[in-house]
Every structure is written in structure tokens, then in C-alpha cells.
Protein backbone atom coordinates (compact mmCIF):
# COMPACT_ATOMS: atom_id res chain seq x y z
CA UNK A 1 -0.09 0.04 0.01
CA UNK A 2 2.92 2.29 0.63
CA UNK A 3 4.21 1.89 -3.00
CA UNK A 4 0.84 2.58 -4.29
CA UNK A 5 0.58 5.86 -2.15
CA UNK A 6 4.07 6.81 -3.49
CA UNK A 7 3.05 6.14 -7.08
CA UNK A 8 -0.18 7.90 -7.04
CA UNK A 9 1.03 10.81 -4.69
CA UNK A 10 -2.08 10.39 -2.67
CA UNK A 11 -2.98 9.41 0.80
CA UNK A 12 -4.40 6.04 1.08
CA UNK A 13 -6.89 5.03 3.98
CA UNK A 14 -7.38 1.36 4.66
CA UNK A 15 -10.70 0.57 6.43
CA UNK A 16 -10.34 -1.14 9.58
CA UNK A 17 -12.87 -3.81 8.86
CA UNK A 18 -12.83 -7.50 7.98
CA UNK A 19 -16.00 -7.16 5.83
CA UNK A 20 -15.06 -4.23 3.44
CA UNK A 21 -16.85 -5.78 0.41
CA UNK A 22 -20.04 -6.33 2.46
CA UNK A 23 -19.69 -2.59 3.64
CA UNK A 24 -19.27 -1.36 0.09
CA UNK A 25 -22.30 -3.51 -1.01
CA UNK A 26 -24.43 -2.07 1.80
CA UNK A 27 -23.42 1.44 1.09
CA UNK A 28 -24.56 1.02 -2.50
CA UNK A 29 -27.62 -0.69 -1.42
CA UNK A 30 -28.56 2.14 0.97
CA UNK A 31 -28.16 4.73 -1.88
CA UNK A 32 -30.30 2.65 -4.23
CA UNK A 33 -32.84 2.37 -1.59
CA UNK A 34 -33.08 6.09 -1.01
CA UNK A 35 -31.69 6.06 2.34
CA UNK A 36 -28.93 8.46 1.40
CA UNK A 37 -28.66 10.69 -1.66
CA UNK A 38 -25.33 9.47 -2.88
CA UNK A 39 -22.41 7.21 -2.10
CA UNK A 40 -20.34 9.99 -0.45
CA UNK A 41 -23.03 10.79 2.06
CA UNK A 42 -23.44 6.99 2.70
CA UNK A 43 -19.99 6.60 3.22
CA UNK A 44 -19.87 9.36 5.74
CA UNK A 45 -22.36 7.68 7.99
CA UNK A 46 -21.83 3.96 7.37
CA UNK A 47 -17.92 3.60 7.01
CA UNK A 48 -15.65 2.66 9.88
CA UNK A 49 -12.70 4.78 10.52
CA UNK A 50 -9.49 3.92 8.78
CA UNK A 51 -7.16 1.45 10.53
CA UNK A 52 -4.12 2.43 8.71
CA UNK A 53 -3.19 5.47 6.72
CA UNK A 54 -0.36 5.46 4.11
CA UNK A 55 1.19 9.11 3.48
CA UNK A 56 3.10 9.29 0.14
CA UNK A 57 6.74 10.03 0.10
CA UNK A 58 7.22 13.04 -2.19
CA UNK A 59 10.77 12.02 -3.14
CA UNK A 60 9.55 8.63 -4.22
CA UNK A 61 6.62 10.12 -6.13
CA UNK A 62 8.99 12.26 -8.11
CA UNK A 63 11.14 9.22 -9.03
CA UNK A 64 8.05 7.16 -10.08
CA UNK A 65 6.89 9.98 -12.24
CA UNK A 66 10.32 10.15 -14.00
CA UNK A 67 10.25 6.28 -14.43
CA UNK A 68 6.66 6.60 -15.84
CA UNK A 69 7.84 9.28 -18.38
CA UNK A 70 10.66 6.99 -19.35
CA UNK A 71 8.42 4.06 -19.76
CA UNK A 72 5.95 6.17 -22.04
CA UNK A 73 8.85 7.13 -24.14
CA UNK A 74 10.07 3.53 -24.55
CA UNK A 75 6.53 2.67 -25.70
CA UNK A 76 6.45 5.15 -28.28
CA UNK A 77 9.94 4.04 -29.54
CA UNK A 78 8.89 0.43 -29.68
CA UNK A 79 5.72 1.17 -31.64
CA UNK A 80 7.90 2.81 -34.36
CA UNK A 81 9.53 -0.51 -35.19
């Protein structure tokens, strides 16, 4: 998860729940049933607090961006053959 946070440059919050799939389904069901207006509102009231939060490392994020640009360049070069 730390690598994902570093690559995306965004904070990743992991729910403190063993039943995250069931929780997600119930959130969507509550919206479909009209209990909440939208998913964001349902999440606010139904979600459990984050158990772990991964903060991106800015230096690693910069490195991943450089590597991604090189990857895209190599893809263009390979397509020219």
C-alpha cells in the first residue's frame, strides 16, 4: 500500500474492517434504496474509521513520475518498429 501511495502521490486510507466488500455493497444498497442521496453521504455515515493511513513519500513520487515518463517514451519508440 505504501508503494501505491507513493506512485499515486495520494494518501491511502485502509478501512479497519474484515468485511469491506459487504460494507461497500451495503453502502450502494442504501443509496439505491434512497436512504442516502449519494455514495459520499452514505460513506460518511456508514464507514468505519481508517485503521491504517499511508502517506505518500514526495521524493519517491517524483522518482516514479520520472520512471513513468521513461516508460511512455520507450513505448513510443517500440511502436515505431
